[in-house]
Amino acid sequence: MRGLRLGIGAVLALCLGLPSLAMATPAAAAPGTGAPSVISVPDEAMLQPADLGGVETMPAADDLRPWLRPPQPCALYRSAALRGADRAVEAVYPVGDVRPTVLLEYVAVYRGGGAAQYLRELTRAVTRCSGCTDTGRTWQVVGTGIAGRHSLLLSVRETVGYEGDNRVQTSYVAVARTGHAIVVLADIGWEIGDGHEAVVRDLAPVAVARAAVVG
């Protein structure tokens, strides 16, 4: 498993967690924010084995793509100050007869309009003509509306090393908003292999529907 964790609109027209098994408190509005008061993200807000063909998820390792929790490329994201409860899980997901892939799912609940603000900030950052490059990673928009109106599908390319070999690895990342929650679902591939766009497209709507319980 250590090999898995190597370092989960108009603008387009111009260019084309902390793991916890605790249940959430009831989604009552936090005073003055209009946001649900969520202490922790519950099990039912995350992808379930039934969604993954029987595959169990586990708490995501701290070193498994922390920069996807949530993605904040190429900009200063003021919405980070409004981020509250969050959670990340990972799964080894079968995608063929040869090798599986690694999925990373992250759900965060924001105060006030923080979730909408975050998605606006992300969209501005990654729709700069051909995308953006930050800390050696190149981000590009692959699609929009893949998991509802407020969603993006991104590709992330970076050079990785494994057993003396270097290559460009591509991960696929869906980012979506449901109410006050942001959902990130990434297929980061296996070892230095690429992720799978089709897997993210298939599972992202399911992940967003699950996360709606805290949104």
N, C-alpha and C. Protein backbone atom coordinates (compact mmCIF):
# COMPACT_ATOMS: atom_id res chain seq x y z
N MET A 1 0.82 -1.21 0.00
CA MET A 1 0.00 0.00 0.00
C MET A 1 0.85 1.26 0.00
N ARG A 2 2.10 1.20 0.48
CA ARG A 2 2.90 2.42 0.49
C ARG A 2 3.10 2.95 -0.91
N GLY A 3 3.17 2.03 -1.93
CA GLY A 3 3.36 2.47 -3.30
C GLY A 3 2.20 3.24 -3.83
N LEU A 4 1.01 3.07 -3.21
CA LEU A 4 -0.17 3.77 -3.66
C LEU A 4 -0.14 5.23 -3.29
N ARG A 5 0.67 5.60 -2.28
CA ARG A 5 0.56 6.92 -1.67
C ARG A 5 1.65 7.84 -2.11
N LEU A 6 2.11 7.69 -3.35
CA LEU A 6 3.15 8.58 -3.83
C LEU A 6 2.54 9.97 -4.07
N GLY A 7 3.75 10.74 -3.44
CA GLY A 7 3.43 12.11 -3.51
C GLY A 7 2.56 12.53 -4.37
N ILE A 8 -8.52 12.10 -4.89
CA ILE A 8 -8.36 11.32 -4.91
C ILE A 8 -8.91 12.90 -4.89
N GLY A 9 -19.09 27.12 -18.26
CA GLY A 9 -19.91 28.31 -18.46
C GLY A 9 -19.34 29.44 -19.29
N ALA A 10 -19.44 30.60 -18.78
CA ALA A 10 -19.03 31.74 -19.60
C ALA A 10 -17.52 31.81 -19.66
N VAL A 11 -16.91 31.58 -18.59
CA VAL A 11 -15.45 31.64 -18.59
C VAL A 11 -14.88 30.55 -19.48
N LEU A 12 -15.49 29.36 -19.43
CA LEU A 12 -15.01 28.27 -20.29
C LEU A 12 -15.14 28.64 -21.76
N ALA A 13 -16.18 29.36 -22.09
CA ALA A 13 -16.37 29.72 -23.49
C ALA A 13 -15.25 30.59 -23.99
N LEU A 14 -14.63 31.33 -23.10
CA LEU A 14 -13.53 32.21 -23.50
C LEU A 14 -12.29 31.41 -23.86
N CYS A 15 -12.03 30.32 -23.16
CA CYS A 15 -10.79 29.56 -23.36
C CYS A 15 -11.02 28.07 -23.35
N LEU A 16 -12.02 27.80 -23.15
CA LEU A 16 -12.14 26.47 -22.85
C LEU A 16 -11.09 26.35 -22.37
N GLY A 17 -10.81 13.47 6.00
CA GLY A 17 -10.91 14.42 6.99
C GLY A 17 -10.49 13.72 8.14
N LEU A 18 -10.69 14.55 8.31
CA LEU A 18 -10.39 13.77 9.53
C LEU A 18 -11.39 12.63 9.67
N PRO A 19 -10.94 11.35 9.66
CA PRO A 19 -11.87 10.24 9.75
C PRO A 19 -12.58 10.20 11.09
N SER A 20 -13.88 9.89 11.04
CA SER A 20 -14.64 9.75 12.27
C SER A 20 -15.84 8.87 12.02
N LEU A 21 -16.17 8.02 12.96
CA LEU A 21 -17.35 7.19 12.84
C LEU A 21 -18.52 7.79 13.61
N ALA A 22 -18.31 8.97 14.21
CA ALA A 22 -19.38 9.60 14.96
C ALA A 22 -20.46 10.11 14.02
N MET A 23 -21.68 10.10 14.51
CA MET A 23 -22.78 10.58 13.70
C MET A 23 -22.84 12.10 13.79
N ALA A 24 -23.42 12.72 12.76
CA ALA A 24 -23.59 14.17 12.79
C ALA A 24 -24.72 14.54 13.72
N THR A 25 -24.65 15.74 14.24
CA THR A 25 -25.79 16.28 14.96
C THR A 25 -26.88 16.59 13.97
N PRO A 26 -28.13 16.72 14.41
CA PRO A 26 -29.20 17.08 13.47
C PRO A 26 -28.85 18.35 12.72
N ALA A 27 -29.28 18.42 11.47
CA ALA A 27 -28.89 19.52 10.59
C ALA A 27 -29.70 20.77 10.89
N ALA A 28 -29.59 21.26 12.09
CA ALA A 28 -30.23 22.54 12.45
C ALA A 28 -29.34 23.67 11.99
N ALA A 29 -29.93 24.80 11.69
CA ALA A 29 -29.15 25.93 11.18
C ALA A 29 -28.30 26.53 12.29
N ALA A 30 -27.03 26.79 11.98
CA ALA A 30 -26.17 27.48 12.92
C ALA A 30 -26.60 28.94 12.99
N PRO A 31 -26.66 29.53 14.17
CA PRO A 31 -27.17 30.91 14.32
C PRO A 31 -26.45 31.89 13.41
N GLY A 32 -27.22 32.62 12.63
CA GLY A 32 -26.67 33.70 11.83
C GLY A 32 -25.98 33.27 10.55
N THR A 33 -25.95 31.95 10.25
CA THR A 33 -25.22 31.51 9.06
C THR A 33 -26.11 30.87 8.01
N GLY A 34 -27.22 30.27 8.42
CA GLY A 34 -28.05 29.53 7.49
C GLY A 34 -27.43 28.20 7.11
N ALA A 35 -26.34 27.81 7.74
CA ALA A 35 -25.67 26.56 7.43
C ALA A 35 -26.00 25.51 8.48
N PRO A 36 -26.05 24.23 8.09
CA PRO A 36 -26.29 23.19 9.07
C PRO A 36 -25.15 23.11 10.08
N SER A 37 -25.49 22.89 11.34
CA SER A 37 -24.49 22.76 12.38
C SER A 37 -24.05 21.31 12.45
N VAL A 38 -22.95 20.97 11.78
CA VAL A 38 -22.47 19.60 11.69
C VAL A 38 -21.16 19.49 12.44
N ILE A 39 -21.14 18.60 13.44
CA ILE A 39 -19.93 18.41 14.23
C ILE A 39 -18.96 17.49 13.50
N SER A 40 -19.48 16.44 12.88
CA SER A 40 -18.64 15.51 12.12
C SER A 40 -19.44 14.99 10.95
N VAL A 41 -18.76 14.57 9.91
CA VAL A 41 -19.41 14.05 8.71
C VAL A 41 -19.72 12.57 8.93
N PRO A 42 -20.98 12.16 8.88
CA PRO A 42 -21.34 10.79 9.23
C PRO A 42 -21.08 9.79 8.12
N ASP A 43 -21.15 8.52 8.48
CA ASP A 43 -20.93 7.44 7.52
C ASP A 43 -21.82 7.58 6.29
N GLU A 44 -23.10 7.90 6.53
CA GLU A 44 -24.04 7.88 5.41
C GLU A 44 -23.82 9.01 4.41
N ALA A 45 -22.96 9.96 4.72
CA ALA A 45 -22.64 11.03 3.77
C ALA A 45 -21.55 10.62 2.79
N MET A 46 -20.94 9.46 3.02
CA MET A 46 -19.84 9.00 2.18
C MET A 46 -20.31 7.85 1.29
N LEU A 47 -19.54 7.57 0.24
CA LEU A 47 -19.84 6.42 -0.61
C LEU A 47 -19.89 5.15 0.22
N GLN A 48 -20.83 4.28 -0.12
CA GLN A 48 -21.06 3.03 0.59
C GLN A 48 -20.55 1.84 -0.23
N PRO A 49 -20.30 0.70 0.44
CA PRO A 49 -19.89 -0.49 -0.32
C PRO A 49 -20.85 -0.84 -1.46
N ALA A 50 -22.15 -0.63 -1.24
CA ALA A 50 -23.12 -0.91 -2.31
C ALA A 50 -22.89 -0.05 -3.54
N ASP A 51 -22.30 1.14 -3.35
CA ASP A 51 -22.00 2.03 -4.48
C ASP A 51 -20.74 1.59 -5.22
N LEU A 52 -19.89 0.82 -4.53
CA LEU A 52 -18.56 0.48 -5.04
C LEU A 52 -18.43 -1.00 -5.34
N GLY A 53 -19.55 -1.66 -5.62
CA GLY A 53 -19.49 -3.07 -5.96
C GLY A 53 -19.05 -3.94 -4.80
N GLY A 54 -19.36 -3.52 -3.59
CA GLY A 54 -19.00 -4.30 -2.41
C GLY A 54 -17.68 -3.92 -1.78
N VAL A 55 -16.94 -3.00 -2.37
CA VAL A 55 -15.65 -2.59 -1.83
C VAL A 55 -15.85 -1.70 -0.60
N GLU A 56 -15.13 -1.99 0.47
CA GLU A 56 -15.19 -1.19 1.68
C GLU A 56 -14.25 0.01 1.56
N THR A 57 -14.65 1.13 2.16
CA THR A 57 -13.75 2.28 2.27
C THR A 57 -13.04 2.22 3.62
N MET A 58 -11.98 3.02 3.73
CA MET A 58 -11.24 3.13 4.98
C MET A 58 -10.83 4.58 5.16
N PRO A 59 -10.53 5.00 6.40
CA PRO A 59 -10.06 6.38 6.58
C PRO A 59 -8.84 6.64 5.70
N ALA A 60 -8.85 7.76 5.02
CA ALA A 60 -7.75 8.08 4.10
C ALA A 60 -6.47 8.34 4.89
N ALA A 61 -5.36 7.80 4.41
CA ALA A 61 -4.07 8.06 5.03
C ALA A 61 -3.74 9.55 4.94
N ASP A 62 -3.06 10.06 5.94
CA ASP A 62 -2.75 11.49 5.98
C ASP A 62 -1.95 11.94 4.76
N ASP A 63 -1.09 11.05 4.23
CA ASP A 63 -0.22 11.44 3.12
C ASP A 63 -0.81 11.11 1.75
N LEU A 64 -2.07 10.71 1.70
CA LEU A 64 -2.70 10.41 0.42
C LEU A 64 -3.34 11.68 -0.15
N ARG A 65 -2.58 12.36 -1.00
CA ARG A 65 -3.05 13.56 -1.70
C ARG A 65 -3.75 14.58 -0.79
N PRO A 66 -3.08 15.05 0.26
CA PRO A 66 -3.72 16.06 1.12
C PRO A 66 -4.11 17.32 0.37
N TRP A 67 -3.43 17.58 -0.77
CA TRP A 67 -3.73 18.78 -1.56
C TRP A 67 -5.04 18.66 -2.35
N LEU A 68 -5.73 17.53 -2.22
CA LEU A 68 -7.06 17.38 -2.81
C LEU A 68 -8.17 17.53 -1.77
N ARG A 69 -7.84 18.04 -0.58
CA ARG A 69 -8.81 18.07 0.51
C ARG A 69 -9.05 19.49 1.04
N PRO A 70 -9.71 20.36 0.29
CA PRO A 70 -10.13 20.23 -1.10
C PRO A 70 -9.06 20.80 -2.03
N PRO A 71 -9.18 20.61 -3.34
CA PRO A 71 -8.22 21.23 -4.27
C PRO A 71 -8.25 22.75 -4.16
N GLN A 72 -7.07 23.37 -4.08
CA GLN A 72 -6.98 24.83 -4.03
C GLN A 72 -5.83 25.30 -4.91
N PRO A 73 -5.87 24.99 -6.22
CA PRO A 73 -4.75 25.33 -7.09
C PRO A 73 -4.73 26.79 -7.50
N CYS A 74 -3.54 27.32 -7.65
CA CYS A 74 -3.31 28.54 -8.42
C CYS A 74 -4.01 29.79 -7.89
N ALA A 75 -4.33 29.83 -6.60
CA ALA A 75 -5.03 31.02 -6.07
C ALA A 75 -5.02 30.97 -4.55
N LEU A 76 -5.40 32.11 -3.95
CA LEU A 76 -5.65 32.18 -2.52
C LEU A 76 -7.15 31.99 -2.32
N TYR A 77 -7.53 30.98 -1.56
CA TYR A 77 -8.94 30.65 -1.39
C TYR A 77 -9.43 31.18 -0.04
N ARG A 78 -10.12 32.31 -0.07
CA ARG A 78 -10.61 32.92 1.16
C ARG A 78 -11.70 32.06 1.82
N SER A 79 -12.33 31.21 1.04
CA SER A 79 -13.37 30.34 1.60
C SER A 79 -12.83 29.34 2.60
N ALA A 80 -11.52 29.15 2.63
CA ALA A 80 -10.94 28.17 3.57
C ALA A 80 -11.30 28.52 5.01
N ALA A 81 -11.47 29.80 5.29
CA ALA A 81 -11.80 30.23 6.66
C ALA A 81 -13.21 29.81 7.06
N LEU A 82 -14.04 29.45 6.09
CA LEU A 82 -15.43 29.07 6.37
C LEU A 82 -15.63 27.57 6.38
N ARG A 83 -14.56 26.81 6.20
CA ARG A 83 -14.68 25.35 6.16
C ARG A 83 -14.79 24.80 7.57
N GLY A 84 -15.77 23.91 7.77
CA GLY A 84 -15.99 23.32 9.08
C GLY A 84 -15.65 21.84 9.09
N ALA A 85 -16.63 21.02 9.45
CA ALA A 85 -16.41 19.57 9.55
C ALA A 85 -16.02 19.00 8.19
N ASP A 86 -15.08 18.04 8.23
CA ASP A 86 -14.72 17.38 6.99
C ASP A 86 -14.29 15.95 7.28
N ARG A 87 -14.18 15.17 6.21
CA ARG A 87 -13.83 13.76 6.34
C ARG A 87 -13.30 13.26 5.01
N ALA A 88 -12.33 12.34 5.05
CA ALA A 88 -11.77 11.76 3.83
C ALA A 88 -11.66 10.25 3.99
N VAL A 89 -12.02 9.53 2.93
CA VAL A 89 -11.89 8.07 2.90
C VAL A 89 -11.22 7.67 1.60
N GLU A 90 -10.67 6.46 1.59
CA GLU A 90 -10.06 5.92 0.37
C GLU A 90 -10.56 4.50 0.15
N ALA A 91 -10.42 4.03 -1.09
CA ALA A 91 -10.83 2.67 -1.43
C ALA A 91 -9.98 2.17 -2.58
N VAL A 92 -9.66 0.89 -2.55
CA VAL A 92 -9.01 0.22 -3.68
C VAL A 92 -10.12 -0.37 -4.53
N TYR A 93 -10.29 0.18 -5.71
CA TYR A 93 -11.47 -0.09 -6.53
C TYR A 93 -11.09 -0.87 -7.79
N PRO A 94 -11.74 -2.00 -8.06
CA PRO A 94 -11.38 -2.80 -9.24
C PRO A 94 -11.87 -2.15 -10.54
N VAL A 95 -10.97 -2.04 -11.51
CA VAL A 95 -11.34 -1.46 -12.81
C VAL A 95 -10.88 -2.33 -13.98
N GLY A 96 -10.54 -3.57 -13.73
CA GLY A 96 -10.09 -4.43 -14.81
C GLY A 96 -9.44 -5.68 -14.24
N ASP A 97 -8.95 -6.52 -15.14
CA ASP A 97 -8.37 -7.78 -14.71
C ASP A 97 -6.93 -7.65 -14.25
N VAL A 98 -6.26 -6.54 -14.61
CA VAL A 98 -4.83 -6.44 -14.34
C VAL A 98 -4.54 -5.76 -13.01
N ARG A 99 -5.09 -4.58 -12.80
CA ARG A 99 -4.81 -3.84 -11.58
C ARG A 99 -6.00 -2.98 -11.19
N PRO A 100 -6.15 -2.70 -9.90
CA PRO A 100 -7.24 -1.82 -9.46
C PRO A 100 -6.81 -0.36 -9.56
N THR A 101 -7.58 0.51 -8.96
CA THR A 101 -7.22 1.91 -8.86
C THR A 101 -7.55 2.39 -7.45
N VAL A 102 -7.05 3.57 -7.09
CA VAL A 102 -7.29 4.12 -5.76
C VAL A 102 -8.22 5.32 -5.87
N LEU A 103 -9.30 5.28 -5.10
CA LEU A 103 -10.24 6.38 -5.03
C LEU A 103 -10.06 7.14 -3.72
N LEU A 104 -10.14 8.45 -3.79
CA LEU A 104 -10.12 9.31 -2.62
C LEU A 104 -11.39 10.14 -2.63
N GLU A 105 -12.16 10.08 -1.54
CA GLU A 105 -13.37 10.88 -1.41
C GLU A 105 -13.22 11.81 -0.21
N TYR A 106 -13.60 13.07 -0.41
CA TYR A 106 -13.50 14.08 0.65
C TYR A 106 -14.80 14.86 0.67
N VAL A 107 -15.36 15.06 1.86
CA VAL A 107 -16.58 15.86 2.03
C VAL A 107 -16.31 16.89 3.11
N ALA A 108 -16.65 18.15 2.83
CA ALA A 108 -16.49 19.23 3.79
C ALA A 108 -17.77 20.05 3.85
N VAL A 109 -18.13 20.51 5.04
CA VAL A 109 -19.30 21.35 5.24
C VAL A 109 -18.81 22.75 5.59
N TYR A 110 -19.36 23.75 4.90
CA TYR A 110 -18.94 25.15 5.06
C TYR A 110 -20.01 25.96 5.78
N ARG A 111 -19.57 27.00 6.44
CA ARG A 111 -20.48 27.95 7.06
C ARG A 111 -20.94 28.98 6.04
N GLY A 112 -22.15 29.49 6.25
CA GLY A 112 -22.67 30.55 5.39
C GLY A 112 -22.63 30.16 3.92
N GLY A 113 -22.13 31.08 3.08
CA GLY A 113 -22.02 30.81 1.66
C GLY A 113 -20.66 30.29 1.25
N GLY A 114 -19.94 29.67 2.18
CA GLY A 114 -18.57 29.24 1.91
C GLY A 114 -18.42 28.22 0.82
N ALA A 115 -19.37 27.27 0.73
CA ALA A 115 -19.27 26.24 -0.30
C ALA A 115 -19.40 26.85 -1.70
N ALA A 116 -20.37 27.73 -1.87
CA ALA A 116 -20.54 28.39 -3.16
C ALA A 116 -19.33 29.27 -3.48
N GLN A 117 -18.82 29.96 -2.46
CA GLN A 117 -17.64 30.80 -2.66
C GLN A 117 -16.44 29.96 -3.09
N TYR A 118 -16.24 28.83 -2.43
CA TYR A 118 -15.12 27.95 -2.80
C TYR A 118 -15.22 27.52 -4.26
N LEU A 119 -16.40 27.09 -4.69
CA LEU A 119 -16.53 26.61 -6.06
C LEU A 119 -16.28 27.73 -7.06
N ARG A 120 -16.70 28.96 -6.73
CA ARG A 120 -16.39 30.09 -7.61
C ARG A 120 -14.89 30.33 -7.68
N GLU A 121 -14.22 30.27 -6.54
CA GLU A 121 -12.78 30.49 -6.51
C GLU A 121 -12.05 29.42 -7.31
N LEU A 122 -12.45 28.17 -7.15
CA LEU A 122 -11.83 27.08 -7.90
C LEU A 122 -12.07 27.25 -9.40
N THR A 123 -13.30 27.56 -9.77
CA THR A 123 -13.63 27.71 -11.19
C THR A 123 -12.80 28.82 -11.84
N ARG A 124 -12.67 29.96 -11.15
CA ARG A 124 -11.86 31.05 -11.70
C ARG A 124 -10.41 30.60 -11.89
N ALA A 125 -9.90 29.84 -10.93
CA ALA A 125 -8.49 29.45 -10.99
C ALA A 125 -8.19 28.49 -12.12
N VAL A 126 -9.08 27.54 -12.37
CA VAL A 126 -8.76 26.47 -13.33
C VAL A 126 -9.30 26.73 -14.73
N THR A 127 -10.02 27.82 -14.94
CA THR A 127 -10.53 28.11 -16.28
C THR A 127 -9.78 29.26 -16.92
N ARG A 128 -8.51 29.39 -16.59
CA ARG A 128 -7.67 30.41 -17.22
C ARG A 128 -7.11 29.84 -18.51
N CYS A 129 -7.85 30.00 -19.57
CA CYS A 129 -7.45 29.51 -20.89
C CYS A 129 -7.18 28.02 -20.86
N SER A 130 -5.92 27.62 -20.91
CA SER A 130 -5.62 26.18 -20.98
C SER A 130 -5.46 25.55 -19.62
N GLY A 131 -5.89 26.21 -18.56
CA GLY A 131 -5.76 25.67 -17.22
C GLY A 131 -4.72 26.44 -16.44
N CYS A 132 -4.22 25.83 -15.35
CA CYS A 132 -3.22 26.50 -14.55
C CYS A 132 -2.23 25.48 -14.02
N THR A 133 -1.02 25.96 -13.74
CA THR A 133 0.02 25.10 -13.17
C THR A 133 0.46 25.69 -11.84
N ASP A 134 0.49 24.84 -10.82
CA ASP A 134 0.82 25.28 -9.48
C ASP A 134 1.58 24.16 -8.78
N THR A 135 2.72 24.49 -8.18
CA THR A 135 3.57 23.52 -7.46
C THR A 135 3.80 22.26 -8.27
N GLY A 136 4.06 22.44 -9.57
CA GLY A 136 4.39 21.30 -10.42
C GLY A 136 3.21 20.50 -10.92
N ARG A 137 2.00 20.92 -10.62
CA ARG A 137 0.80 20.22 -11.08
C ARG A 137 0.04 21.09 -12.08
N THR A 138 -0.40 20.49 -13.16
CA THR A 138 -1.17 21.20 -14.18
C THR A 138 -2.62 20.76 -14.10
N TRP A 139 -3.48 21.74 -13.89
CA TRP A 139 -4.92 21.50 -13.71
C TRP A 139 -5.67 21.96 -14.96
N GLN A 140 -6.59 21.13 -15.44
CA GLN A 140 -7.42 21.51 -16.58
C GLN A 140 -8.85 21.04 -16.36
N VAL A 141 -9.79 21.78 -16.93
CA VAL A 141 -11.20 21.39 -16.86
C VAL A 141 -11.49 20.39 -17.96
N VAL A 142 -12.03 19.24 -17.57
CA VAL A 142 -12.41 18.20 -18.52
C VAL A 142 -13.90 18.27 -18.84
N GLY A 143 -14.69 18.65 -17.85
CA GLY A 143 -16.13 18.73 -18.06
C GLY A 143 -16.80 19.51 -16.96
N THR A 144 -18.05 19.90 -17.20
CA THR A 144 -18.87 20.60 -16.21
C THR A 144 -20.22 19.91 -16.13
N GLY A 145 -20.90 20.12 -15.00
CA GLY A 145 -22.24 19.55 -14.85
C GLY A 145 -22.27 18.04 -14.77
N ILE A 146 -21.17 17.41 -14.37
CA ILE A 146 -21.15 15.94 -14.36
C ILE A 146 -21.87 15.35 -13.16
N ALA A 147 -22.08 16.16 -12.12
CA ALA A 147 -22.77 15.68 -10.92
C ALA A 147 -23.71 16.77 -10.42
N GLY A 148 -24.50 17.28 -11.35
CA GLY A 148 -25.38 18.39 -11.03
C GLY A 148 -24.82 19.70 -11.56
N ARG A 149 -25.61 20.73 -11.44
CA ARG A 149 -25.27 22.04 -12.01
C ARG A 149 -23.97 22.59 -11.45
N HIS A 150 -23.73 22.38 -10.16
CA HIS A 150 -22.57 22.98 -9.50
C HIS A 150 -21.44 21.95 -9.40
N SER A 151 -20.86 21.59 -10.52
CA SER A 151 -19.82 20.56 -10.49
C SER A 151 -18.84 20.74 -11.64
N LEU A 152 -17.62 20.31 -11.38
CA LEU A 152 -16.53 20.33 -12.36
C LEU A 152 -15.84 18.98 -12.37
N LEU A 153 -15.30 18.61 -13.53
CA LEU A 153 -14.41 17.46 -13.62
C LEU A 153 -13.05 17.99 -14.08
N LEU A 154 -12.03 17.74 -13.28
CA LEU A 154 -10.69 18.24 -13.55
C LEU A 154 -9.73 17.09 -13.83
N SER A 155 -8.72 17.38 -14.64
CA SER A 155 -7.57 16.48 -14.74
C SER A 155 -6.38 17.19 -14.09
N VAL A 156 -5.55 16.40 -13.41
CA VAL A 156 -4.36 16.93 -12.75
C VAL A 156 -3.17 16.10 -13.21
N ARG A 157 -2.19 16.75 -13.83
CA ARG A 157 -0.99 16.06 -14.31
C ARG A 157 0.21 16.49 -13.47
N GLU A 158 0.99 15.50 -13.03
CA GLU A 158 2.21 15.79 -12.29
C GLU A 158 3.24 14.70 -12.57
N THR A 159 4.50 15.05 -12.43
CA THR A 159 5.57 14.08 -12.61
C THR A 159 5.82 13.37 -11.29
N VAL A 160 5.80 12.04 -11.34
CA VAL A 160 5.99 11.24 -10.14
C VAL A 160 7.13 10.25 -10.38
N GLY A 161 7.74 9.84 -9.29
CA GLY A 161 8.82 8.86 -9.37
C GLY A 161 8.43 7.59 -8.66
N TYR A 162 8.86 6.46 -9.21
CA TYR A 162 8.56 5.17 -8.60
C TYR A 162 9.61 4.16 -9.03
N GLU A 163 10.33 3.63 -8.05
CA GLU A 163 11.35 2.62 -8.30
C GLU A 163 12.33 3.07 -9.39
N GLY A 164 12.79 4.30 -9.27
CA GLY A 164 13.79 4.83 -10.18
C GLY A 164 13.26 5.33 -11.51
N ASP A 165 11.95 5.27 -11.71
CA ASP A 165 11.35 5.70 -12.97
C ASP A 165 10.54 6.97 -12.73
N ASN A 166 10.53 7.88 -13.70
CA ASN A 166 9.71 9.09 -13.64
C ASN A 166 8.74 9.11 -14.81
N ARG A 167 7.54 9.55 -14.55
CA ARG A 167 6.58 9.69 -15.64
C ARG A 167 5.50 10.69 -15.22
N VAL A 168 4.75 11.16 -16.20
CA VAL A 168 3.64 12.07 -15.92
C VAL A 168 2.41 11.23 -15.61
N GLN A 169 1.86 11.45 -14.44
CA GLN A 169 0.67 10.73 -14.00
C GLN A 169 -0.52 11.67 -14.03
N THR A 170 -1.65 11.19 -14.53
CA THR A 170 -2.87 11.98 -14.60
C THR A 170 -3.92 11.42 -13.66
N SER A 171 -4.43 12.28 -12.79
CA SER A 171 -5.55 11.93 -11.92
C SER A 171 -6.78 12.69 -12.40
N TYR A 172 -7.95 12.14 -12.11
CA TYR A 172 -9.21 12.80 -12.46
C TYR A 172 -9.98 13.10 -11.17
N VAL A 173 -10.46 14.34 -11.08
CA VAL A 173 -11.03 14.84 -9.83
C VAL A 173 -12.36 15.53 -10.11
N ALA A 174 -13.42 15.04 -9.50
CA ALA A 174 -14.72 15.71 -9.54
C ALA A 174 -14.86 16.57 -8.29
N VAL A 175 -15.32 17.79 -8.48
CA VAL A 175 -15.59 18.70 -7.36
C VAL A 175 -17.01 19.22 -7.55
N ALA A 176 -17.83 19.07 -6.53
CA ALA A 176 -19.24 19.46 -6.66
C ALA A 176 -19.74 20.06 -5.36
N ARG A 177 -20.76 20.89 -5.49
CA ARG A 177 -21.42 21.46 -4.31
C ARG A 177 -22.82 20.92 -4.19
N THR A 178 -23.20 20.55 -2.97
CA THR A 178 -24.59 20.24 -2.66
C THR A 178 -24.94 21.00 -1.39
N GLY A 179 -25.73 22.05 -1.52
CA GLY A 179 -26.05 22.89 -0.39
C GLY A 179 -24.81 23.53 0.20
N HIS A 180 -24.55 23.30 1.47
CA HIS A 180 -23.40 23.86 2.16
C HIS A 180 -22.19 22.92 2.14
N ALA A 181 -22.27 21.83 1.40
CA ALA A 181 -21.20 20.83 1.38
C ALA A 181 -20.46 20.83 0.04
N ILE A 182 -19.17 20.57 0.11
CA ILE A 182 -18.34 20.35 -1.07
C ILE A 182 -17.93 18.88 -1.09
N VAL A 183 -18.06 18.24 -2.23
CA VAL A 183 -17.69 16.84 -2.41
C VAL A 183 -16.55 16.77 -3.41
N VAL A 184 -15.50 16.05 -3.05
CA VAL A 184 -14.37 15.80 -3.96
C VAL A 184 -14.26 14.30 -4.13
N LEU A 185 -14.24 13.84 -5.37
CA LEU A 185 -14.01 12.43 -5.66
C LEU A 185 -12.89 12.34 -6.69
N ALA A 186 -11.81 11.67 -6.32
CA ALA A 186 -10.64 11.57 -7.21
C ALA A 186 -10.28 10.12 -7.46
N ASP A 187 -9.95 9.82 -8.70
CA ASP A 187 -9.32 8.56 -9.06
C ASP A 187 -7.86 8.87 -9.31
N ILE A 188 -6.99 8.41 -8.42
CA ILE A 188 -5.58 8.79 -8.50
C ILE A 188 -4.72 7.69 -9.10
N GLY A 189 -5.33 6.62 -9.57
CA GLY A 189 -4.58 5.57 -10.23
C GLY A 189 -3.93 4.60 -9.24
N TRP A 190 -3.17 3.69 -9.80
CA TRP A 190 -2.48 2.67 -9.01
C TRP A 190 -0.97 2.85 -9.21
N GLU A 191 -0.25 3.05 -8.11
CA GLU A 191 1.18 3.32 -8.19
C GLU A 191 1.42 4.50 -9.12
N ILE A 192 2.09 4.34 -10.25
CA ILE A 192 2.30 5.48 -11.14
C ILE A 192 1.35 5.46 -12.35
N GLY A 193 0.35 4.58 -12.30
CA GLY A 193 -0.63 4.53 -13.38
C GLY A 193 -1.62 5.68 -13.29
N ASP A 194 -2.24 5.99 -14.42
CA ASP A 194 -3.21 7.08 -14.48
C ASP A 194 -4.53 6.68 -13.82
N GLY A 195 -5.28 7.70 -13.40
CA GLY A 195 -6.64 7.49 -12.95
C GLY A 195 -7.57 7.27 -14.13
N HIS A 196 -8.84 7.11 -13.84
CA HIS A 196 -9.82 6.76 -14.87
C HIS A 196 -10.96 7.78 -14.87
N GLU A 197 -11.06 8.51 -15.96
CA GLU A 197 -12.11 9.53 -16.08
C GLU A 197 -13.49 8.91 -15.97
N ALA A 198 -13.70 7.77 -16.61
CA ALA A 198 -15.03 7.15 -16.63
C ALA A 198 -15.49 6.76 -15.22
N VAL A 199 -14.56 6.30 -14.39
CA VAL A 199 -14.90 5.91 -13.03
C VAL A 199 -15.41 7.12 -12.25
N VAL A 200 -14.73 8.25 -12.38
CA VAL A 200 -15.14 9.45 -11.66
C VAL A 200 -16.49 9.95 -12.18
N ARG A 201 -16.68 9.92 -13.48
CA ARG A 201 -17.97 10.35 -14.04
C ARG A 201 -19.11 9.48 -13.51
N ASP A 202 -18.88 8.20 -13.39
CA ASP A 202 -19.93 7.28 -12.93
C ASP A 202 -20.27 7.47 -11.45
N LEU A 203 -19.23 7.67 -10.62
CA LEU A 203 -19.43 7.66 -9.18
C LEU A 203 -19.70 9.04 -8.58
N ALA A 204 -19.31 10.11 -9.27
CA ALA A 204 -19.49 11.45 -8.70
C ALA A 204 -20.95 11.77 -8.39
N PRO A 205 -21.91 11.49 -9.28
CA PRO A 205 -23.31 11.79 -8.92
C PRO A 205 -23.78 11.03 -7.68
N VAL A 206 -23.29 9.81 -7.52
CA VAL A 206 -23.66 9.01 -6.35
C VAL A 206 -23.07 9.64 -5.08
N ALA A 207 -21.82 10.07 -5.15
CA ALA A 207 -21.16 10.70 -4.01
C ALA A 207 -21.89 11.99 -3.60
N VAL A 208 -22.31 12.77 -4.57
CA VAL A 208 -23.02 14.02 -4.27
C VAL A 208 -24.37 13.73 -3.63
N ALA A 209 -25.07 12.72 -4.12
CA ALA A 209 -26.36 12.36 -3.52
C ALA A 209 -26.18 11.91 -2.08
N ARG A 210 -25.14 11.16 -1.80
CA ARG A 210 -24.86 10.74 -0.42
C ARG A 210 -24.57 11.95 0.48
N ALA A 211 -23.75 12.86 0.00
CA ALA A 211 -23.33 14.01 0.82
C ALA A 211 -24.44 15.00 1.08
N ALA A 212 -25.55 14.89 0.32
CA ALA A 212 -26.65 15.83 0.50
C ALA A 212 -27.24 15.78 1.91
N VAL A 213 -26.98 14.69 2.66
CA VAL A 213 -27.54 14.58 4.01
C VAL A 213 -26.94 15.60 4.97
N VAL A 214 -25.74 16.11 4.63
CA VAL A 214 -25.13 17.15 5.48
C VAL A 214 -25.13 18.51 4.81
N GLY A 215 -25.59 18.58 3.56
CA GLY A 215 -25.56 19.82 2.81
C GLY A 215 -26.65 20.78 3.16
